[in-house]
Amino acid sequence: MSIVSQLAAAFPPENISWRVGSTTQDKKKGMALAFIDARDVMDRLDAVCGPENWQDRDEFHGPRTICYLSIRIGDEWITKADGAGDSDVEAEKGAISDALKRAAVKWGIGRYLYDHASPWVEIEQFGRSYRIKESEKRKLANAA
């Protein structure tokens, strides 16, 4: 199996998290979007490439963070990059994690999640944002 297909392999369902995307006008339901954590990306890179055969570098351009994710294949370092803006929680730290995840998608890591079903679920207000109601999490565990 090639490095790229190993990187692109699906994650176990317990590694999949969910966040609220679009909401209904009355804010009672939201679209559940599947995602993985940045640590899952790092673990996948370590497992497939070895910790010595990948590296990342961040550049900051105002509120945007660009992550350059490089993997050594043979004797050559190949780099793919993507960026993200500050997030709602821990803005700069969130941007760094999001940029890494976006750069990893260019290597195939978690890319399949963009085609994953995004069911509508009941949501509740949480601070200035919304979260998926606990009662809906069982539905999502089966969807992963």
N, C-alpha and C. Protein backbone atom coordinates (compact mmCIF):
# COMPACT_ATOMS: atom_id res chain seq x y z
N MET A 1 0.85 -1.18 0.00
CA MET A 1 0.00 0.00 0.00
C MET A 1 0.89 1.24 0.00
N SER A 2 0.59 2.19 -0.87
CA SER A 2 1.42 3.39 -1.00
C SER A 2 1.26 4.30 0.23
N ILE A 3 2.22 5.20 0.39
CA ILE A 3 2.17 6.16 1.50
C ILE A 3 0.89 7.00 1.41
N VAL A 4 0.56 7.45 0.21
CA VAL A 4 -0.62 8.30 0.04
C VAL A 4 -1.89 7.56 0.43
N SER A 5 -2.04 6.29 0.04
CA SER A 5 -3.25 5.54 0.41
C SER A 5 -3.27 5.24 1.91
N GLN A 6 -2.11 5.05 2.52
CA GLN A 6 -2.07 4.87 3.97
C GLN A 6 -2.47 6.15 4.69
N LEU A 7 -2.00 7.29 4.20
CA LEU A 7 -2.37 8.57 4.80
C LEU A 7 -3.87 8.81 4.67
N ALA A 8 -4.45 8.39 3.54
CA ALA A 8 -5.86 8.66 3.25
C ALA A 8 -6.82 7.66 3.90
N ALA A 9 -6.32 6.65 4.57
CA ALA A 9 -7.20 5.64 5.18
C ALA A 9 -8.17 6.28 6.16
N ALA A 10 -9.36 5.71 6.25
CA ALA A 10 -10.38 6.23 7.18
C ALA A 10 -9.91 6.07 8.62
N PHE A 11 -10.37 6.96 9.46
CA PHE A 11 -10.07 6.91 10.89
C PHE A 11 -11.12 6.06 11.59
N PRO A 12 -10.77 5.47 12.73
CA PRO A 12 -11.78 4.75 13.51
C PRO A 12 -12.90 5.72 13.92
N PRO A 13 -14.15 5.24 13.98
CA PRO A 13 -15.28 6.13 14.31
C PRO A 13 -15.07 6.92 15.61
N GLU A 14 -14.38 6.35 16.58
CA GLU A 14 -14.18 7.07 17.85
C GLU A 14 -13.25 8.27 17.71
N ASN A 15 -12.53 8.38 16.59
CA ASN A 15 -11.67 9.54 16.35
C ASN A 15 -12.40 10.69 15.66
N ILE A 16 -13.61 10.44 15.21
CA ILE A 16 -14.37 11.45 14.49
C ILE A 16 -15.14 12.31 15.50
N SER A 17 -14.98 13.61 15.38
CA SER A 17 -15.73 14.57 16.20
C SER A 17 -16.72 15.30 15.29
N TRP A 18 -17.63 16.03 15.91
CA TRP A 18 -18.68 16.71 15.16
C TRP A 18 -18.82 18.14 15.65
N ARG A 19 -19.08 19.05 14.72
CA ARG A 19 -19.34 20.44 15.07
C ARG A 19 -20.57 20.90 14.30
N VAL A 20 -21.12 22.02 14.74
CA VAL A 20 -22.31 22.58 14.09
C VAL A 20 -21.87 23.45 12.91
N GLY A 21 -22.47 23.17 11.75
CA GLY A 21 -22.25 23.99 10.57
C GLY A 21 -23.42 24.95 10.41
N SER A 22 -24.09 24.89 9.29
CA SER A 22 -25.27 25.73 9.04
C SER A 22 -26.36 25.41 10.05
N THR A 23 -27.18 26.42 10.36
CA THR A 23 -28.30 26.23 11.29
C THR A 23 -29.60 26.67 10.63
N THR A 24 -30.70 26.17 11.18
CA THR A 24 -32.00 26.64 10.73
C THR A 24 -32.19 28.07 11.24
N GLN A 25 -33.12 28.76 10.66
CA GLN A 25 -33.34 30.16 11.04
C GLN A 25 -33.69 30.29 12.53
N ASP A 26 -34.45 29.32 13.07
CA ASP A 26 -34.84 29.39 14.47
C ASP A 26 -33.76 28.86 15.42
N LYS A 27 -32.63 28.39 14.88
CA LYS A 27 -31.47 27.91 15.65
C LYS A 27 -31.81 26.69 16.51
N LYS A 28 -32.78 25.90 16.08
CA LYS A 28 -33.12 24.67 16.81
C LYS A 28 -32.39 23.46 16.24
N LYS A 29 -32.00 23.53 14.97
CA LYS A 29 -31.29 22.43 14.33
C LYS A 29 -30.07 22.98 13.60
N GLY A 30 -29.07 22.10 13.50
CA GLY A 30 -27.85 22.46 12.79
C GLY A 30 -27.33 21.27 12.01
N MET A 31 -26.52 21.57 11.02
CA MET A 31 -25.91 20.52 10.24
C MET A 31 -24.66 20.05 10.98
N ALA A 32 -24.58 18.74 11.23
CA ALA A 32 -23.42 18.17 11.92
C ALA A 32 -22.31 17.91 10.92
N LEU A 33 -21.15 18.50 11.15
CA LEU A 33 -20.00 18.34 10.27
C LEU A 33 -18.93 17.52 10.96
N ALA A 34 -18.48 16.46 10.30
CA ALA A 34 -17.46 15.57 10.87
C ALA A 34 -16.08 16.19 10.70
N PHE A 35 -15.22 15.99 11.72
CA PHE A 35 -13.84 16.45 11.63
C PHE A 35 -12.94 15.61 12.51
N ILE A 36 -11.65 15.72 12.28
CA ILE A 36 -10.66 15.06 13.13
C ILE A 36 -9.84 16.13 13.83
N ASP A 37 -9.21 15.74 14.88
CA ASP A 37 -8.37 16.62 15.69
C ASP A 37 -6.98 16.71 15.06
N ALA A 38 -6.28 17.80 15.29
CA ALA A 38 -4.92 17.96 14.77
C ALA A 38 -4.00 16.87 15.31
N ARG A 39 -4.23 16.41 16.53
CA ARG A 39 -3.40 15.33 17.08
C ARG A 39 -3.59 14.03 16.30
N ASP A 40 -4.81 13.81 15.76
CA ASP A 40 -5.03 12.64 14.91
C ASP A 40 -4.19 12.73 13.64
N VAL A 41 -4.08 13.93 13.10
CA VAL A 41 -3.24 14.15 11.92
C VAL A 41 -1.80 13.81 12.25
N MET A 42 -1.29 14.32 13.36
CA MET A 42 0.09 14.07 13.76
C MET A 42 0.34 12.58 14.00
N ASP A 43 -0.61 11.92 14.66
CA ASP A 43 -0.48 10.48 14.90
C ASP A 43 -0.44 9.71 13.59
N ARG A 44 -1.28 10.10 12.61
CA ARG A 44 -1.29 9.43 11.31
C ARG A 44 0.04 9.62 10.61
N LEU A 45 0.56 10.85 10.62
CA LEU A 45 1.85 11.13 9.99
C LEU A 45 2.97 10.32 10.65
N ASP A 46 2.97 10.26 11.99
CA ASP A 46 3.98 9.47 12.71
C ASP A 46 3.89 8.00 12.32
N ALA A 47 2.67 7.46 12.28
CA ALA A 47 2.47 6.03 12.02
C ALA A 47 2.86 5.66 10.58
N VAL A 48 2.52 6.50 9.62
CA VAL A 48 2.76 6.17 8.22
C VAL A 48 4.16 6.56 7.76
N CYS A 49 4.59 7.76 8.14
CA CYS A 49 5.86 8.28 7.64
C CYS A 49 7.02 8.10 8.61
N GLY A 50 6.70 8.01 9.90
CA GLY A 50 7.72 8.04 10.93
C GLY A 50 7.93 9.49 11.34
N PRO A 51 8.11 9.74 12.63
CA PRO A 51 8.22 11.13 13.10
C PRO A 51 9.37 11.92 12.47
N GLU A 52 10.38 11.21 12.00
CA GLU A 52 11.53 11.90 11.41
C GLU A 52 11.32 12.26 9.94
N ASN A 53 10.22 11.79 9.36
CA ASN A 53 10.01 11.99 7.92
C ASN A 53 8.87 12.94 7.58
N TRP A 54 8.46 13.74 8.54
CA TRP A 54 7.50 14.80 8.24
C TRP A 54 7.81 16.00 9.13
N GLN A 55 7.44 17.16 8.65
CA GLN A 55 7.64 18.39 9.42
C GLN A 55 6.64 19.42 8.94
N ASP A 56 6.34 20.36 9.83
CA ASP A 56 5.45 21.45 9.43
C ASP A 56 6.04 22.77 9.89
N ARG A 57 5.68 23.80 9.17
CA ARG A 57 6.15 25.15 9.47
C ARG A 57 4.98 26.09 9.25
N ASP A 58 4.78 27.01 10.18
CA ASP A 58 3.68 27.97 10.08
C ASP A 58 4.21 29.36 9.76
N GLU A 59 3.45 30.07 8.94
CA GLU A 59 3.69 31.49 8.68
C GLU A 59 2.42 32.23 9.02
N PHE A 60 2.58 33.42 9.56
CA PHE A 60 1.43 34.22 9.98
C PHE A 60 1.33 35.46 9.09
N HIS A 61 0.16 35.65 8.53
CA HIS A 61 -0.12 36.77 7.65
C HIS A 61 -1.37 37.46 8.18
N GLY A 62 -1.18 38.38 9.13
CA GLY A 62 -2.32 39.01 9.78
C GLY A 62 -3.12 37.94 10.51
N PRO A 63 -4.42 37.86 10.26
CA PRO A 63 -5.25 36.87 10.95
C PRO A 63 -5.18 35.48 10.30
N ARG A 64 -4.38 35.32 9.27
CA ARG A 64 -4.28 34.04 8.56
C ARG A 64 -3.00 33.31 8.95
N THR A 65 -3.13 32.00 9.09
CA THR A 65 -1.98 31.14 9.36
C THR A 65 -1.85 30.17 8.20
N ILE A 66 -0.65 30.08 7.63
CA ILE A 66 -0.37 29.13 6.56
C ILE A 66 0.52 28.04 7.14
N CYS A 67 0.11 26.78 6.93
CA CYS A 67 0.92 25.64 7.37
C CYS A 67 1.53 24.99 6.14
N TYR A 68 2.83 24.81 6.18
CA TYR A 68 3.57 24.10 5.14
C TYR A 68 3.88 22.72 5.71
N LEU A 69 3.24 21.69 5.17
CA LEU A 69 3.41 20.33 5.66
C LEU A 69 4.28 19.56 4.66
N SER A 70 5.44 19.13 5.12
CA SER A 70 6.41 18.45 4.26
C SER A 70 6.57 17.01 4.71
N ILE A 71 6.64 16.13 3.71
CA ILE A 71 6.87 14.71 3.95
C ILE A 71 8.06 14.29 3.11
N ARG A 72 8.97 13.53 3.74
CA ARG A 72 10.12 13.01 3.01
C ARG A 72 9.72 11.69 2.35
N ILE A 73 9.82 11.67 1.04
CA ILE A 73 9.55 10.46 0.27
C ILE A 73 10.84 10.13 -0.46
N GLY A 74 11.46 9.03 -0.07
CA GLY A 74 12.79 8.71 -0.57
C GLY A 74 13.76 9.74 -0.03
N ASP A 75 14.48 10.41 -0.91
CA ASP A 75 15.43 11.45 -0.50
C ASP A 75 14.90 12.86 -0.71
N GLU A 76 13.63 12.96 -1.09
CA GLU A 76 13.08 14.27 -1.43
C GLU A 76 12.00 14.70 -0.43
N TRP A 77 12.04 15.97 -0.04
CA TRP A 77 11.00 16.56 0.79
C TRP A 77 9.96 17.18 -0.15
N ILE A 78 8.70 16.80 0.02
CA ILE A 78 7.61 17.35 -0.78
C ILE A 78 6.71 18.14 0.18
N THR A 79 6.37 19.35 -0.19
CA THR A 79 5.60 20.24 0.67
C THR A 79 4.27 20.60 0.03
N LYS A 80 3.23 20.56 0.86
CA LYS A 80 1.91 21.04 0.47
C LYS A 80 1.45 21.99 1.57
N ALA A 81 0.75 23.05 1.19
CA ALA A 81 0.39 24.08 2.16
C ALA A 81 -1.08 24.46 2.05
N ASP A 82 -1.60 24.94 3.16
CA ASP A 82 -2.95 25.51 3.19
C ASP A 82 -3.03 26.39 4.42
N GLY A 83 -4.10 27.16 4.50
CA GLY A 83 -4.20 28.11 5.59
C GLY A 83 -5.56 28.15 6.23
N ALA A 84 -5.62 28.88 7.33
CA ALA A 84 -6.86 29.07 8.08
C ALA A 84 -6.78 30.40 8.82
N GLY A 85 -7.96 30.91 9.14
CA GLY A 85 -8.04 32.13 9.94
C GLY A 85 -8.20 31.79 11.41
N ASP A 86 -8.16 32.81 12.24
CA ASP A 86 -8.35 32.60 13.68
C ASP A 86 -9.68 31.91 13.93
N SER A 87 -9.71 31.03 14.92
CA SER A 87 -10.94 30.32 15.25
C SER A 87 -11.66 31.03 16.40
N ASP A 88 -12.88 30.57 16.70
CA ASP A 88 -13.67 31.18 17.78
C ASP A 88 -13.10 30.88 19.16
N VAL A 89 -12.41 29.75 19.29
CA VAL A 89 -11.85 29.35 20.58
C VAL A 89 -10.34 29.39 20.46
N GLU A 90 -9.66 30.09 21.37
CA GLU A 90 -8.20 30.23 21.35
C GLU A 90 -7.75 30.55 19.92
N ALA A 91 -8.07 31.73 19.47
CA ALA A 91 -7.97 32.14 18.07
C ALA A 91 -6.69 31.69 17.37
N GLU A 92 -5.53 32.08 17.87
CA GLU A 92 -4.28 31.76 17.17
C GLU A 92 -3.98 30.26 17.21
N LYS A 93 -4.17 29.64 18.36
CA LYS A 93 -3.94 28.20 18.49
C LYS A 93 -4.88 27.43 17.56
N GLY A 94 -6.13 27.86 17.50
CA GLY A 94 -7.10 27.22 16.61
C GLY A 94 -6.70 27.37 15.15
N ALA A 95 -6.18 28.53 14.77
CA ALA A 95 -5.75 28.74 13.39
C ALA A 95 -4.58 27.83 13.04
N ILE A 96 -3.67 27.63 13.97
CA ILE A 96 -2.52 26.75 13.73
C ILE A 96 -3.00 25.31 13.52
N SER A 97 -3.88 24.84 14.39
CA SER A 97 -4.42 23.49 14.25
C SER A 97 -5.21 23.33 12.96
N ASP A 98 -6.06 24.32 12.66
CA ASP A 98 -6.88 24.25 11.45
C ASP A 98 -6.02 24.27 10.19
N ALA A 99 -4.98 25.08 10.18
CA ALA A 99 -4.09 25.14 9.01
C ALA A 99 -3.38 23.80 8.81
N LEU A 100 -2.95 23.16 9.90
CA LEU A 100 -2.32 21.84 9.79
C LEU A 100 -3.31 20.83 9.21
N LYS A 101 -4.54 20.83 9.72
CA LYS A 101 -5.54 19.88 9.22
C LYS A 101 -5.83 20.12 7.74
N ARG A 102 -5.89 21.39 7.34
CA ARG A 102 -6.16 21.71 5.93
C ARG A 102 -5.00 21.29 5.03
N ALA A 103 -3.77 21.51 5.49
CA ALA A 103 -2.60 21.07 4.71
C ALA A 103 -2.58 19.54 4.62
N ALA A 104 -2.97 18.87 5.71
CA ALA A 104 -2.99 17.40 5.72
C ALA A 104 -4.01 16.85 4.73
N VAL A 105 -5.13 17.56 4.54
CA VAL A 105 -6.13 17.13 3.57
C VAL A 105 -5.51 17.06 2.17
N LYS A 106 -4.57 17.95 1.87
CA LYS A 106 -3.90 17.92 0.57
C LYS A 106 -3.07 16.66 0.39
N TRP A 107 -2.70 16.02 1.50
CA TRP A 107 -2.01 14.73 1.47
C TRP A 107 -3.02 13.57 1.54
N GLY A 108 -4.31 13.89 1.62
CA GLY A 108 -5.35 12.87 1.67
C GLY A 108 -5.85 12.55 3.06
N ILE A 109 -5.22 13.09 4.09
CA ILE A 109 -5.60 12.78 5.47
C ILE A 109 -6.95 13.43 5.79
N GLY A 110 -7.94 12.58 6.06
CA GLY A 110 -9.27 13.07 6.42
C GLY A 110 -10.06 13.66 5.27
N ARG A 111 -9.56 13.60 4.06
CA ARG A 111 -10.26 14.20 2.92
C ARG A 111 -11.64 13.59 2.72
N TYR A 112 -11.77 12.30 3.00
CA TYR A 112 -13.06 11.62 2.82
C TYR A 112 -14.16 12.24 3.69
N LEU A 113 -13.80 12.92 4.76
CA LEU A 113 -14.80 13.51 5.65
C LEU A 113 -15.61 14.61 4.95
N TYR A 114 -15.04 15.22 3.91
CA TYR A 114 -15.78 16.23 3.17
C TYR A 114 -16.96 15.63 2.41
N ASP A 115 -16.89 14.32 2.13
CA ASP A 115 -17.98 13.63 1.45
C ASP A 115 -18.90 12.91 2.44
N HIS A 116 -18.58 13.01 3.71
CA HIS A 116 -19.33 12.33 4.77
C HIS A 116 -20.73 12.93 4.91
N ALA A 117 -21.69 12.10 5.27
CA ALA A 117 -23.06 12.60 5.52
C ALA A 117 -23.02 13.67 6.61
N SER A 118 -23.83 14.69 6.44
CA SER A 118 -23.92 15.79 7.41
C SER A 118 -25.37 15.90 7.86
N PRO A 119 -25.78 15.05 8.80
CA PRO A 119 -27.19 15.04 9.20
C PRO A 119 -27.58 16.30 9.98
N TRP A 120 -28.85 16.65 9.91
CA TRP A 120 -29.39 17.74 10.71
C TRP A 120 -29.68 17.19 12.10
N VAL A 121 -29.22 17.91 13.12
CA VAL A 121 -29.39 17.48 14.50
C VAL A 121 -29.89 18.64 15.35
N GLU A 122 -30.46 18.29 16.50
CA GLU A 122 -30.89 19.34 17.43
C GLU A 122 -29.66 19.96 18.08
N ILE A 123 -29.72 21.29 18.24
CA ILE A 123 -28.59 22.02 18.82
C ILE A 123 -29.08 22.88 19.98
N GLU A 124 -28.12 23.37 20.76
CA GLU A 124 -28.42 24.27 21.87
C GLU A 124 -27.36 25.35 21.92
N GLN A 125 -27.75 26.49 22.45
CA GLN A 125 -26.80 27.60 22.57
C GLN A 125 -25.74 27.24 23.59
N PHE A 126 -24.50 27.63 23.27
CA PHE A 126 -23.36 27.39 24.15
C PHE A 126 -22.47 28.61 24.05
N GLY A 127 -22.58 29.50 25.02
CA GLY A 127 -21.87 30.77 24.95
C GLY A 127 -22.42 31.59 23.80
N ARG A 128 -21.53 32.07 22.93
CA ARG A 128 -21.97 32.83 21.76
C ARG A 128 -22.18 31.95 20.54
N SER A 129 -22.02 30.65 20.72
CA SER A 129 -22.12 29.72 19.60
C SER A 129 -23.19 28.67 19.90
N TYR A 130 -23.15 27.57 19.17
CA TYR A 130 -24.09 26.47 19.36
C TYR A 130 -23.34 25.16 19.39
N ARG A 131 -23.90 24.19 20.11
CA ARG A 131 -23.33 22.86 20.14
C ARG A 131 -24.43 21.84 19.91
N ILE A 132 -24.00 20.65 19.56
CA ILE A 132 -24.93 19.55 19.31
C ILE A 132 -25.43 19.03 20.65
N LYS A 133 -26.74 18.85 20.75
CA LYS A 133 -27.32 18.34 21.99
C LYS A 133 -26.79 16.93 22.27
N GLU A 134 -26.57 16.67 23.54
CA GLU A 134 -26.05 15.36 23.97
C GLU A 134 -26.92 14.22 23.45
N SER A 135 -28.24 14.41 23.43
CA SER A 135 -29.17 13.37 23.00
C SER A 135 -28.96 12.99 21.52
N GLU A 136 -28.30 13.83 20.73
CA GLU A 136 -28.08 13.55 19.31
C GLU A 136 -26.76 12.82 19.03
N LYS A 137 -25.91 12.73 20.04
CA LYS A 137 -24.57 12.15 19.83
C LYS A 137 -24.62 10.68 19.44
N ARG A 138 -25.62 9.93 19.90
CA ARG A 138 -25.76 8.52 19.55
C ARG A 138 -25.99 8.37 18.04
N LYS A 139 -26.84 9.25 17.51
CA LYS A 139 -27.12 9.26 16.07
C LYS A 139 -25.83 9.47 15.28
N LEU A 140 -25.00 10.37 15.76
CA LEU A 140 -23.77 10.69 15.06
C LEU A 140 -22.73 9.57 15.18
N ALA A 141 -22.72 8.87 16.31
CA ALA A 141 -21.80 7.75 16.47
C ALA A 141 -22.10 6.69 15.43
N ASN A 142 -23.34 6.50 15.10
CA ASN A 142 -23.72 5.52 14.07
C ASN A 142 -23.42 6.04 12.67
N ALA A 143 -23.38 7.35 12.51
CA ALA A 143 -23.11 7.94 11.19
C ALA A 143 -21.62 7.88 10.85
N ALA A 144 -20.76 7.85 11.87
CA ALA A 144 -19.32 7.84 11.64
C ALA A 144 -18.91 6.51 11.08
